[in-house]
Amino acid sequence: MTLLTGAAAFGGGSALIATIVRIAAPAAPRLAGALATTALDIGAVLGPVVAVVAVDRAKTPVAALWCAAGASALAAASVLSDRARPRPVGDDVGAAAR
């Protein structure tokens, strides 16, 4: 199971980085790639650390599930709020992805 979840996580992460780079490519492809990779790496480090602290304090492994659900909800809220934000006229960066 560890192999499957690890492969799914890195496959999903690579797809997210590719999407970010494709969207931001006209403006700053190298910067977009660097920021996307950095965000993925920070999440890969902080996610397990936060989950371990939560499991240790709650004394139940289900706390890790709640950490993952909370992080996913936060990411979804961030994406949805960005998409709802009005864009200036002529701002075509990322228009194909929306």
C-alpha atoms as a PDB file:
ATOM      1  CA  MET A   1       0.000   0.000   0.000  1.00  0.00           C
ATOM      2  CA  THR A   2       2.895   2.338   0.736  1.00  0.00           C
ATOM      3  CA  LEU A   3       4.221   1.903  -2.783  1.00  0.00           C
ATOM      4  CA  LEU A   4       0.824   2.671  -4.326  1.00  0.00           C
ATOM      5  CA  THR A   5       0.129   5.749  -2.200  1.00  0.00           C
ATOM      6  CA  GLY A   6       3.652   7.060  -2.768  1.00  0.00           C
ATOM      7  CA  ALA A   7       3.335   6.615  -6.521  1.00  0.00           C
ATOM      8  CA  ALA A   8      -0.069   8.305  -6.509  1.00  0.00           C
ATOM      9  CA  ALA A   9       1.235  11.217  -4.445  1.00  0.00           C
ATOM     10  CA  PHE A  10       4.235  11.874  -6.662  1.00  0.00           C
ATOM     11  CA  GLY A  11       2.190  11.363  -9.822  1.00  0.00           C
ATOM     12  CA  GLY A  12      -0.377  13.856  -8.585  1.00  0.00           C
ATOM     13  CA  GLY A  13       2.327  16.285  -7.520  1.00  0.00           C
ATOM     14  CA  SER A  14       4.034  16.110 -10.890  1.00  0.00           C
ATOM     15  CA  ALA A  15       0.712  16.752 -12.617  1.00  0.00           C
ATOM     16  CA  LEU A  16       0.081  19.784 -10.400  1.00  0.00           C
ATOM     17  CA  ILE A  17       3.523  21.224 -11.115  1.00  0.00           C
ATOM     18  CA  ALA A  18       3.043  20.699 -14.856  1.00  0.00           C
ATOM     19  CA  THR A  19      -0.328  22.465 -14.696  1.00  0.00           C
ATOM     20  CA  ILE A  20       1.106  25.444 -12.813  1.00  0.00           C
ATOM     21  CA  VAL A  21       4.013  25.763 -15.239  1.00  0.00           C
ATOM     22  CA  ARG A  22       1.668  25.523 -18.252  1.00  0.00           C
ATOM     23  CA  ILE A  23      -0.619  28.228 -16.854  1.00  0.00           C
ATOM     24  CA  ALA A  24       2.172  30.621 -15.913  1.00  0.00           C
ATOM     25  CA  ALA A  25       4.489  29.809 -18.817  1.00  0.00           C
ATOM     26  CA  PRO A  26       3.810  32.994 -20.813  1.00  0.00           C
ATOM     27  CA  ALA A  27       4.650  35.176 -17.806  1.00  0.00           C
ATOM     28  CA  ALA A  28       7.427  33.351 -15.937  1.00  0.00           C
ATOM     29  CA  PRO A  29       7.924  29.645 -16.654  1.00  0.00           C
ATOM     30  CA  ARG A  30      11.033  29.156 -14.528  1.00  0.00           C
ATOM     31  CA  LEU A  31       9.605  31.014 -11.559  1.00  0.00           C
ATOM     32  CA  ALA A  32       6.331  29.094 -11.776  1.00  0.00           C
ATOM     33  CA  GLY A  33       8.165  25.782 -11.871  1.00  0.00           C
ATOM     34  CA  ALA A  34      10.382  26.721  -8.949  1.00  0.00           C
ATOM     35  CA  LEU A  35       7.450  27.907  -6.829  1.00  0.00           C
ATOM     36  CA  ALA A  36       5.354  24.860  -7.657  1.00  0.00           C
ATOM     37  CA  THR A  37       8.191  22.491  -6.787  1.00  0.00           C
ATOM     38  CA  THR A  38       8.915  24.374  -3.576  1.00  0.00           C
ATOM     39  CA  ALA A  39       5.275  24.286  -2.524  1.00  0.00           C
ATOM     40  CA  LEU A  40       5.090  20.547  -3.190  1.00  0.00           C
ATOM     41  CA  ASP A  41       8.267  19.908  -1.198  1.00  0.00           C
ATOM     42  CA  ILE A  42       7.119  22.044   1.736  1.00  0.00           C
ATOM     43  CA  GLY A  43       3.824  20.193   1.790  1.00  0.00           C
ATOM     44  CA  ALA A  44       5.626  16.851   1.624  1.00  0.00           C
ATOM     45  CA  VAL A  45       7.602  17.802   4.732  1.00  0.00           C
ATOM     46  CA  LEU A  46       4.987  19.666   6.769  1.00  0.00           C
ATOM     47  CA  GLY A  47       2.084  17.287   6.074  1.00  0.00           C
ATOM     48  CA  PRO A  48       3.548  14.293   7.904  1.00  0.00           C
ATOM     49  CA  VAL A  49       4.925  16.488  10.702  1.00  0.00           C
ATOM     50  CA  VAL A  50       1.511  18.031  11.364  1.00  0.00           C
ATOM     51  CA  ALA A  51      -0.142  14.606  11.152  1.00  0.00           C
ATOM     52  CA  VAL A  52       2.311  13.105  13.670  1.00  0.00           C
ATOM     53  CA  VAL A  53       1.689  15.924  16.124  1.00  0.00           C
ATOM     54  CA  ALA A  54      -2.068  15.553  15.702  1.00  0.00           C
ATOM     55  CA  VAL A  55      -1.960  11.770  16.140  1.00  0.00           C
ATOM     56  CA  ASP A  56       0.293  12.117  19.189  1.00  0.00           C
ATOM     57  CA  ARG A  57      -2.010  14.639  20.860  1.00  0.00           C
ATOM     58  CA  ALA A  58      -5.283  12.944  19.903  1.00  0.00           C
ATOM     59  CA  LYS A  59      -3.956   9.445  20.666  1.00  0.00           C
ATOM     60  CA  THR A  60      -5.736   8.065  17.586  1.00  0.00           C
ATOM     61  CA  PRO A  61      -4.496   7.509  14.031  1.00  0.00           C
ATOM     62  CA  VAL A  62      -7.744   8.954  12.683  1.00  0.00           C
ATOM     63  CA  ALA A  63      -6.301  12.400  13.435  1.00  0.00           C
ATOM     64  CA  ALA A  64      -4.009  11.983  10.396  1.00  0.00           C
ATOM     65  CA  LEU A  65      -7.085  11.610   8.208  1.00  0.00           C
ATOM     66  CA  TRP A  66      -8.509  14.840   9.607  1.00  0.00           C
ATOM     67  CA  CYS A  67      -5.211  16.626   8.918  1.00  0.00           C
ATOM     68  CA  ALA A  68      -5.317  15.475   5.300  1.00  0.00           C
ATOM     69  CA  ALA A  69      -8.969  16.516   4.976  1.00  0.00           C
ATOM     70  CA  GLY A  70      -8.199  19.933   6.447  1.00  0.00           C
ATOM     71  CA  ALA A  71      -5.228  20.484   4.133  1.00  0.00           C
ATOM     72  CA  SER A  72      -7.320  19.443   1.124  1.00  0.00           C
ATOM     73  CA  ALA A  73     -10.143  21.788   2.133  1.00  0.00           C
ATOM     74  CA  LEU A  74      -7.675  24.644   2.554  1.00  0.00           C
ATOM     75  CA  ALA A  75      -6.190  23.997  -0.897  1.00  0.00           C
ATOM     76  CA  ALA A  76      -9.641  23.795  -2.507  1.00  0.00           C
ATOM     77  CA  ALA A  77     -10.726  27.034  -0.821  1.00  0.00           C
ATOM     78  CA  SER A  78      -7.562  28.749  -2.041  1.00  0.00           C
ATOM     79  CA  VAL A  79      -8.126  27.650  -5.645  1.00  0.00           C
ATOM     80  CA  LEU A  80     -11.820  28.560  -5.591  1.00  0.00           C
ATOM     81  CA  SER A  81     -11.173  31.995  -4.105  1.00  0.00           C
ATOM     82  CA  ASP A  82      -8.527  32.685  -6.750  1.00  0.00           C
ATOM     83  CA  ARG A  83     -10.901  31.657  -9.537  1.00  0.00           C
ATOM     84  CA  ALA A  84     -13.675  33.852  -8.126  1.00  0.00           C
ATOM     85  CA  ARG A  85     -11.408  36.907  -8.032  1.00  0.00           C
ATOM     86  CA  PRO A  86     -12.144  39.411 -10.822  1.00  0.00           C
ATOM     87  CA  ARG A  87      -9.388  39.638 -13.419  1.00  0.00           C
ATOM     88  CA  PRO A  88      -8.298  42.799 -15.190  1.00  0.00           C
ATOM     89  CA  VAL A  89      -9.281  43.074 -18.836  1.00  0.00           C
ATOM     90  CA  GLY A  90      -6.549  41.617 -21.018  1.00  0.00           C
ATOM     91  CA  ASP A  91      -5.200  39.288 -18.336  1.00  0.00           C
ATOM     92  CA  ASP A  92      -4.905  36.183 -20.517  1.00  0.00           C
ATOM     93  CA  VAL A  93      -2.307  34.343 -18.434  1.00  0.00           C
ATOM     94  CA  GLY A  94      -3.853  31.028 -17.544  1.00  0.00           C
ATOM     95  CA  ALA A  95      -7.072  31.659 -19.471  1.00  0.00           C
ATOM     96  CA  ALA A  96      -6.825  28.298 -21.246  1.00  0.00           C
ATOM     97  CA  ALA A  97      -6.827  26.435 -17.936  1.00  0.00           C
ATOM     98  CA  ARG A  98      -9.982  28.077 -16.610  1.00  0.00           C
END
